[in-house]
Amino acid sequence: MRTLSKIILGSICLAHTTATWAQSAGDREAVTLVMQTFIRSFEKSDLEVLRGITRADGSVVGYSTRQNQVVSQSIESWSKGFTGKPADDEAQRKRSFEILDVSATGAVSKMLFDYPGWNGVDYIALSKIDGKWMIISKSHSWKAKPAATQ
């Protein structure tokens, strides 16, 4: 009887672990799609694409060297820079991301920017809201490139 109990308990644990892994894999894929879409919105400066993956009431925060302070604004306010016209130097801009963590309802991604004149890093927080992954915050930092590498 003890052996049968162990087999049943082991089977239950395996089924739970498999179901959790499958959910995590699906969530990771969904977060990856959101981040790929985020990059596409930058490439095209497409506000409509951006609106499909961000919460307007989310936040953008980062340190401004010009203002010598931390600056915070809503995603809606920040997104006004998306004009529908790609940047003149878009062909020289490189963006990539990596998923740092995905849980049942939250995720964090790191996005790297290599632009003419500067490099940047964004940390993107996502939440699963009503079954859909959405970007809820973006924390950015950047640094000017030395003149020789521009």
Protein backbone atom coordinates (compact mmCIF):
# COMPACT_ATOMS: atom_id res chain seq x y z
CA MET A 1 0.00 0.00 0.00
CA ARG A 2 2.83 2.40 0.80
CA THR A 3 4.31 1.92 -2.67
CA LEU A 4 0.96 2.62 -4.32
CA SER A 5 0.55 5.81 -2.24
CA LYS A 6 4.01 6.97 -3.25
CA ILE A 7 3.28 6.31 -6.92
CA ILE A 8 -0.02 8.22 -6.75
CA LEU A 9 1.56 11.14 -4.87
CA GLY A 10 4.46 11.21 -7.32
CA SER A 11 2.06 11.20 -10.28
CA ILE A 12 0.08 14.09 -8.81
CA CYS A 13 3.27 16.10 -8.25
CA LEU A 14 4.48 15.37 -11.78
CA ALA A 15 1.14 16.39 -13.30
CA HIS A 16 1.18 19.68 -11.32
CA THR A 17 4.79 20.41 -12.32
CA THR A 18 4.05 19.66 -15.98
CA ALA A 19 0.95 21.90 -15.97
CA THR A 20 2.90 24.73 -14.29
CA TRP A 21 5.75 24.40 -16.80
CA ALA A 22 3.31 24.44 -19.73
CA GLN A 23 1.66 27.59 -18.37
CA SER A 24 5.06 29.20 -17.83
CA ALA A 25 6.19 28.31 -21.35
CA GLY A 26 2.99 29.81 -22.79
CA ASP A 27 3.39 32.94 -20.68
CA ARG A 28 7.04 33.27 -21.71
CA GLU A 29 6.02 33.03 -25.37
CA ALA A 30 3.32 35.66 -24.84
CA VAL A 31 5.78 38.02 -23.11
CA THR A 32 8.26 37.45 -25.95
CA LEU A 33 5.58 38.44 -28.47
CA VAL A 34 4.82 41.63 -26.51
CA MET A 35 8.52 42.54 -26.46
CA GLN A 36 8.89 41.84 -30.21
CA THR A 37 5.88 44.08 -30.80
CA PHE A 38 7.42 46.74 -28.55
CA ILE A 39 10.56 46.74 -30.71
CA ARG A 40 8.40 46.97 -33.86
CA SER A 41 6.59 49.98 -32.42
CA PHE A 42 9.96 51.74 -32.00
CA GLU A 43 11.11 50.81 -35.51
CA LYS A 44 8.01 52.30 -37.10
CA SER A 45 7.33 54.92 -34.42
CA ASP A 46 3.84 53.40 -34.49
CA LEU A 47 1.59 54.67 -31.72
CA GLU A 48 -1.25 52.25 -32.54
CA VAL A 49 1.04 49.23 -32.24
CA LEU A 50 2.37 50.62 -28.96
CA ARG A 51 -1.14 51.18 -27.57
CA GLY A 52 -1.96 47.52 -28.15
CA ILE A 53 0.70 46.36 -25.69
CA THR A 54 0.95 49.14 -23.09
CA ARG A 55 -1.28 50.50 -20.37
CA ALA A 56 -1.87 54.23 -20.85
CA ASP A 57 -1.90 54.57 -17.05
CA GLY A 58 1.48 52.85 -16.78
CA SER A 59 4.65 54.77 -16.00
CA VAL A 60 7.98 55.68 -17.55
CA VAL A 61 10.76 56.68 -15.17
CA GLY A 62 14.43 57.49 -15.56
CA TYR A 63 17.18 59.85 -14.53
CA SER A 64 17.59 62.99 -16.65
CA THR A 65 21.14 64.29 -16.78
CA ARG A 66 19.81 67.48 -18.37
CA GLN A 67 17.42 68.12 -15.49
CA ASN A 68 19.67 66.49 -12.89
CA GLN A 69 16.72 64.58 -11.44
CA VAL A 70 14.52 61.52 -11.79
CA VAL A 71 11.75 62.18 -14.28
CA SER A 72 8.46 60.27 -14.29
CA GLN A 73 5.55 60.39 -16.70
CA SER A 74 2.66 58.25 -17.85
CA ILE A 75 3.12 55.89 -20.75
CA GLU A 76 0.42 57.87 -22.54
CA SER A 77 2.40 61.11 -22.19
CA TRP A 78 5.72 59.43 -23.13
CA SER A 79 4.15 57.78 -26.19
CA LYS A 80 3.39 61.15 -27.80
CA GLY A 81 6.90 60.88 -29.25
CA PHE A 82 5.66 58.08 -31.54
CA THR A 83 4.86 60.05 -34.67
CA GLY A 84 4.25 57.33 -37.24
CA LYS A 85 7.42 58.33 -39.05
CA PRO A 86 10.56 56.23 -38.41
CA ALA A 87 13.67 58.12 -37.31
CA ASP A 88 15.96 59.33 -40.09
CA ASP A 89 18.75 57.11 -38.71
CA GLU A 90 16.49 54.08 -38.08
CA ALA A 91 18.70 51.79 -40.19
CA GLN A 92 21.57 52.44 -37.76
CA ARG A 93 19.55 51.77 -34.60
CA LYS A 94 19.79 48.37 -32.96
CA ARG A 95 17.44 47.00 -30.31
CA SER A 96 17.32 43.67 -28.52
CA PHE A 97 15.75 42.23 -25.39
CA GLU A 98 15.96 39.36 -22.98
CA ILE A 99 13.25 38.04 -20.70
CA LEU A 100 14.56 38.13 -17.13
CA ASP A 101 11.64 36.53 -15.30
CA VAL A 102 8.07 35.37 -15.90
CA SER A 103 5.63 34.37 -13.18
CA ALA A 104 1.90 33.63 -13.41
CA THR A 105 0.95 37.33 -13.50
CA GLY A 106 4.14 39.36 -13.79
CA ALA A 107 7.26 39.54 -15.94
CA VAL A 108 10.41 41.63 -16.33
CA SER A 109 12.40 42.15 -19.49
CA LYS A 110 15.63 44.02 -20.25
CA MET A 111 15.78 45.95 -23.51
CA LEU A 112 19.08 47.16 -24.97
CA PHE A 113 19.41 50.11 -27.33
CA ASP A 114 22.44 50.81 -29.50
CA TYR A 115 21.74 54.08 -31.29
CA PRO A 116 24.05 56.48 -33.08
CA GLY A 117 25.31 58.71 -30.29
CA TRP A 118 24.10 56.70 -27.28
CA ASN A 119 23.45 53.33 -25.67
CA GLY A 120 20.51 52.64 -23.40
CA VAL A 121 18.91 50.06 -21.18
CA ASP A 122 15.22 49.78 -20.33
CA TYR A 123 13.76 47.50 -17.71
CA ILE A 124 10.22 46.66 -18.74
CA ALA A 125 7.63 45.43 -16.23
CA LEU A 126 4.66 43.52 -17.62
CA SER A 127 1.48 42.31 -15.94
CA LYS A 128 -1.05 39.77 -17.07
CA ILE A 129 -4.29 41.74 -16.94
CA ASP A 130 -7.56 40.03 -17.85
CA GLY A 131 -5.52 37.24 -19.47
CA LYS A 132 -3.44 39.59 -21.64
CA TRP A 133 0.22 40.57 -21.10
CA MET A 134 0.64 44.36 -21.02
CA ILE A 135 3.61 46.66 -20.39
CA ILE A 136 2.87 48.62 -17.22
CA SER A 137 6.18 50.38 -16.64
CA LYS A 138 9.46 51.25 -18.28
CA SER A 139 12.56 52.34 -16.40
CA HIS A 140 15.27 53.74 -18.63
CA SER A 141 18.88 54.79 -18.48
CA TRP A 142 21.25 55.83 -21.23
CA LYS A 143 24.78 57.03 -21.80
CA ALA A 144 26.26 59.07 -24.64
CA LYS A 145 28.83 57.24 -26.73
CA PRO A 146 32.34 58.63 -26.92
CA ALA A 147 32.83 60.63 -30.14
CA ALA A 148 35.14 57.95 -31.64
CA THR A 149 32.44 55.21 -31.54
CA GLN A 150 29.59 57.29 -32.93
